[in-house]
Amino acid sequence: MRSGSRAGSPRGTRVGDQIQRVLSEIMRRELRDPRVGMVTLTGVEMSPDCAHAKVLFTCLDRQHVPEALAGLQHASGFLRAQLARKIQLYVTPQLRFVYDESVERGARLSQLIDSVQDKP
């Protein structure tokens, strides 16, 4: 499970999960930046004070990542403002977008395992 704070606090996990759901919805319905395109949010890691959120994302095409990251960074103020309107939090966290390499790494490991298993 990727959501939540590193310390694993239940509140950080709940807030991170809720932010991930709401941001995904905002991006799907309201974000018009063509650079973002087919981005999938894979998790949100909250700081212990819930003032900062590291939003992990992935793309279908690895070459699209720099463009998608630029679009997400450009839209972060809009996304934060929309998030504040949709979620009642004491402080709306600052959003920092980071490419999630774990999906790509997992696919690579799976290919390696398959290639070893195919050998006689």
C-alpha atoms as a PDB file:
ATOM      1  CA  MET A   1       0.000   0.000   0.000  1.00  0.00           C
ATOM      2  CA  ARG A   2       1.598   3.277  -1.130  1.00  0.00           C
ATOM      3  CA  SER A   3      -0.731   5.820   0.473  1.00  0.00           C
ATOM      4  CA  GLY A   4      -0.174   7.424   3.812  1.00  0.00           C
ATOM      5  CA  SER A   5       2.770   8.770   5.692  1.00  0.00           C
ATOM      6  CA  ARG A   6       6.037   6.914   6.109  1.00  0.00           C
ATOM      7  CA  ALA A   7       5.332   6.602   9.808  1.00  0.00           C
ATOM      8  CA  GLY A   8       2.139   4.796   8.882  1.00  0.00           C
ATOM      9  CA  SER A   9      -0.163   6.920  11.018  1.00  0.00           C
ATOM     10  CA  PRO A  10      -3.814   6.018  10.474  1.00  0.00           C
ATOM     11  CA  ARG A  11      -4.764   9.682   9.971  1.00  0.00           C
ATOM     12  CA  GLY A  12      -2.011  10.207   7.371  1.00  0.00           C
ATOM     13  CA  THR A  13      -3.138   7.103   5.534  1.00  0.00           C
ATOM     14  CA  ARG A  14      -6.800   8.160   5.539  1.00  0.00           C
ATOM     15  CA  VAL A  15      -5.999  11.697   4.408  1.00  0.00           C
ATOM     16  CA  GLY A  16      -3.604  10.423   1.720  1.00  0.00           C
ATOM     17  CA  ASP A  17      -6.188   7.973   0.370  1.00  0.00           C
ATOM     18  CA  GLN A  18      -8.859  10.664   0.289  1.00  0.00           C
ATOM     19  CA  ILE A  19      -6.540  13.144  -1.447  1.00  0.00           C
ATOM     20  CA  GLN A  20      -5.628  10.516  -4.047  1.00  0.00           C
ATOM     21  CA  ARG A  21      -9.308   9.803  -4.814  1.00  0.00           C
ATOM     22  CA  VAL A  22     -10.291  13.477  -5.010  1.00  0.00           C
ATOM     23  CA  LEU A  23      -7.254  14.529  -7.075  1.00  0.00           C
ATOM     24  CA  SER A  24      -7.873  11.686  -9.527  1.00  0.00           C
ATOM     25  CA  GLU A  25     -11.447  12.881  -9.955  1.00  0.00           C
ATOM     26  CA  ILE A  26     -10.416  16.542 -10.371  1.00  0.00           C
ATOM     27  CA  MET A  27      -7.790  15.586 -12.950  1.00  0.00           C
ATOM     28  CA  ARG A  28     -10.267  13.461 -14.873  1.00  0.00           C
ATOM     29  CA  ARG A  29     -13.101  16.001 -14.886  1.00  0.00           C
ATOM     30  CA  GLU A  30     -11.605  19.484 -14.581  1.00  0.00           C
ATOM     31  CA  LEU A  31      -7.943  19.546 -15.612  1.00  0.00           C
ATOM     32  CA  ARG A  32      -7.594  20.615 -19.233  1.00  0.00           C
ATOM     33  CA  ASP A  33      -3.792  20.594 -19.577  1.00  0.00           C
ATOM     34  CA  PRO A  34      -2.947  18.328 -22.553  1.00  0.00           C
ATOM     35  CA  ARG A  35       0.519  17.652 -21.111  1.00  0.00           C
ATOM     36  CA  VAL A  36      -0.986  15.664 -18.273  1.00  0.00           C
ATOM     37  CA  GLY A  37      -2.882  13.261 -20.571  1.00  0.00           C
ATOM     38  CA  MET A  38      -3.075   9.682 -19.367  1.00  0.00           C
ATOM     39  CA  VAL A  39      -1.560  10.037 -15.900  1.00  0.00           C
ATOM     40  CA  THR A  40      -2.502   7.639 -13.112  1.00  0.00           C
ATOM     41  CA  LEU A  41      -2.047   8.569  -9.466  1.00  0.00           C
ATOM     42  CA  THR A  42      -0.566   5.589  -7.634  1.00  0.00           C
ATOM     43  CA  GLY A  43      -0.343   6.954  -4.103  1.00  0.00           C
ATOM     44  CA  VAL A  44      -0.047   9.921  -1.790  1.00  0.00           C
ATOM     45  CA  GLU A  45       2.514  10.088   1.012  1.00  0.00           C
ATOM     46  CA  MET A  46       1.663  12.637   3.707  1.00  0.00           C
ATOM     47  CA  SER A  47       4.104  14.480   5.947  1.00  0.00           C
ATOM     48  CA  PRO A  48       3.511  13.841   9.677  1.00  0.00           C
ATOM     49  CA  ASP A  49       1.789  17.233  10.048  1.00  0.00           C
ATOM     50  CA  CYS A  50      -0.252  16.688   6.831  1.00  0.00           C
ATOM     51  CA  ALA A  51       1.002  20.025   5.453  1.00  0.00           C
ATOM     52  CA  HIS A  52       2.784  18.392   2.506  1.00  0.00           C
ATOM     53  CA  ALA A  53       1.689  15.637   0.174  1.00  0.00           C
ATOM     54  CA  LYS A  54       3.984  13.727  -2.165  1.00  0.00           C
ATOM     55  CA  VAL A  55       1.700  12.631  -5.003  1.00  0.00           C
ATOM     56  CA  LEU A  56       3.061   9.617  -6.879  1.00  0.00           C
ATOM     57  CA  PHE A  57       2.057   9.173 -10.503  1.00  0.00           C
ATOM     58  CA  THR A  58       2.795   6.965 -13.468  1.00  0.00           C
ATOM     59  CA  CYS A  59       2.275   7.231 -17.227  1.00  0.00           C
ATOM     60  CA  LEU A  60       1.660   4.670 -19.938  1.00  0.00           C
ATOM     61  CA  ASP A  61       4.687   5.919 -21.875  1.00  0.00           C
ATOM     62  CA  ARG A  62       7.937   6.527 -19.951  1.00  0.00           C
ATOM     63  CA  GLN A  63       8.948   9.196 -22.487  1.00  0.00           C
ATOM     64  CA  HIS A  64       5.846  11.221 -21.554  1.00  0.00           C
ATOM     65  CA  VAL A  65       6.961  11.601 -17.897  1.00  0.00           C
ATOM     66  CA  PRO A  66       8.875  14.946 -18.150  1.00  0.00           C
ATOM     67  CA  GLU A  67       5.990  16.556 -20.039  1.00  0.00           C
ATOM     68  CA  ALA A  68       3.397  15.154 -17.613  1.00  0.00           C
ATOM     69  CA  LEU A  69       5.452  16.289 -14.612  1.00  0.00           C
ATOM     70  CA  ALA A  70       5.700  19.812 -16.047  1.00  0.00           C
ATOM     71  CA  GLY A  71       1.909  19.861 -16.571  1.00  0.00           C
ATOM     72  CA  LEU A  72       1.223  18.606 -13.046  1.00  0.00           C
ATOM     73  CA  GLN A  73       3.607  21.136 -11.504  1.00  0.00           C
ATOM     74  CA  HIS A  74       1.996  23.925 -13.534  1.00  0.00           C
ATOM     75  CA  ALA A  75      -1.481  22.800 -12.404  1.00  0.00           C
ATOM     76  CA  SER A  76      -0.553  22.210  -8.747  1.00  0.00           C
ATOM     77  CA  GLY A  77      -2.042  25.533  -7.572  1.00  0.00           C
ATOM     78  CA  PHE A  78      -5.316  24.835  -9.375  1.00  0.00           C
ATOM     79  CA  LEU A  79      -5.384  21.256  -8.044  1.00  0.00           C
ATOM     80  CA  ARG A  80      -4.683  22.440  -4.488  1.00  0.00           C
ATOM     81  CA  ALA A  81      -7.450  25.074  -4.694  1.00  0.00           C
ATOM     82  CA  GLN A  82      -9.952  22.502  -5.996  1.00  0.00           C
ATOM     83  CA  LEU A  83      -8.835  20.055  -3.316  1.00  0.00           C
ATOM     84  CA  ALA A  84      -9.479  22.703  -0.637  1.00  0.00           C
ATOM     85  CA  ARG A  85     -13.025  23.158  -1.943  1.00  0.00           C
ATOM     86  CA  LYS A  86     -13.785  19.425  -1.923  1.00  0.00           C
ATOM     87  CA  ILE A  87     -12.061  18.209   1.267  1.00  0.00           C
ATOM     88  CA  GLN A  88     -12.436  19.835   4.668  1.00  0.00           C
ATOM     89  CA  LEU A  89      -8.941  19.885   6.167  1.00  0.00           C
ATOM     90  CA  TYR A  90      -7.377  22.225   8.696  1.00  0.00           C
ATOM     91  CA  VAL A  91      -4.545  22.870   6.230  1.00  0.00           C
ATOM     92  CA  THR A  92      -4.682  21.989   2.533  1.00  0.00           C
ATOM     93  CA  PRO A  93      -1.325  20.344   1.850  1.00  0.00           C
ATOM     94  CA  GLN A  94       1.255  21.605  -0.616  1.00  0.00           C
ATOM     95  CA  LEU A  95       1.349  19.136  -3.518  1.00  0.00           C
ATOM     96  CA  ARG A  96       4.614  17.748  -4.857  1.00  0.00           C
ATOM     97  CA  PHE A  97       4.386  15.394  -7.831  1.00  0.00           C
ATOM     98  CA  VAL A  98       6.899  12.557  -8.178  1.00  0.00           C
ATOM     99  CA  TYR A  99       7.114   9.866 -10.854  1.00  0.00           C
ATOM    100  CA  ASP A 100       6.472   6.433  -9.306  1.00  0.00           C
ATOM    101  CA  GLU A 101       9.101   4.053 -10.636  1.00  0.00           C
ATOM    102  CA  SER A 102       7.809   1.076  -8.633  1.00  0.00           C
ATOM    103  CA  VAL A 103       5.325   0.070 -11.351  1.00  0.00           C
ATOM    104  CA  GLU A 104       8.054   0.074 -14.002  1.00  0.00           C
ATOM    105  CA  ARG A 105      10.465  -1.732 -11.665  1.00  0.00           C
ATOM    106  CA  GLY A 106       7.831  -4.382 -10.913  1.00  0.00           C
ATOM    107  CA  ALA A 107       7.212  -5.005 -14.614  1.00  0.00           C
ATOM    108  CA  ARG A 108      10.967  -5.347 -15.211  1.00  0.00           C
ATOM    109  CA  LEU A 109      11.301  -7.843 -12.350  1.00  0.00           C
ATOM    110  CA  SER A 110       8.341  -9.797 -13.649  1.00  0.00           C
ATOM    111  CA  GLN A 111       9.966 -10.027 -17.097  1.00  0.00           C
ATOM    112  CA  LEU A 112      13.222 -11.242 -15.536  1.00  0.00           C
ATOM    113  CA  ILE A 113      11.416 -13.896 -13.521  1.00  0.00           C
ATOM    114  CA  ASP A 114       9.495 -15.027 -16.611  1.00  0.00           C
ATOM    115  CA  SER A 115      12.700 -15.243 -18.675  1.00  0.00           C
ATOM    116  CA  VAL A 116      14.376 -17.418 -16.005  1.00  0.00           C
ATOM    117  CA  GLN A 117      11.333 -19.698 -15.687  1.00  0.00           C
ATOM    118  CA  ASP A 118      11.178 -20.199 -19.473  1.00  0.00           C
ATOM    119  CA  LYS A 119      14.672 -21.713 -19.568  1.00  0.00           C
ATOM    120  CA  PRO A 120      14.823 -25.545 -19.480  1.00  0.00           C
END
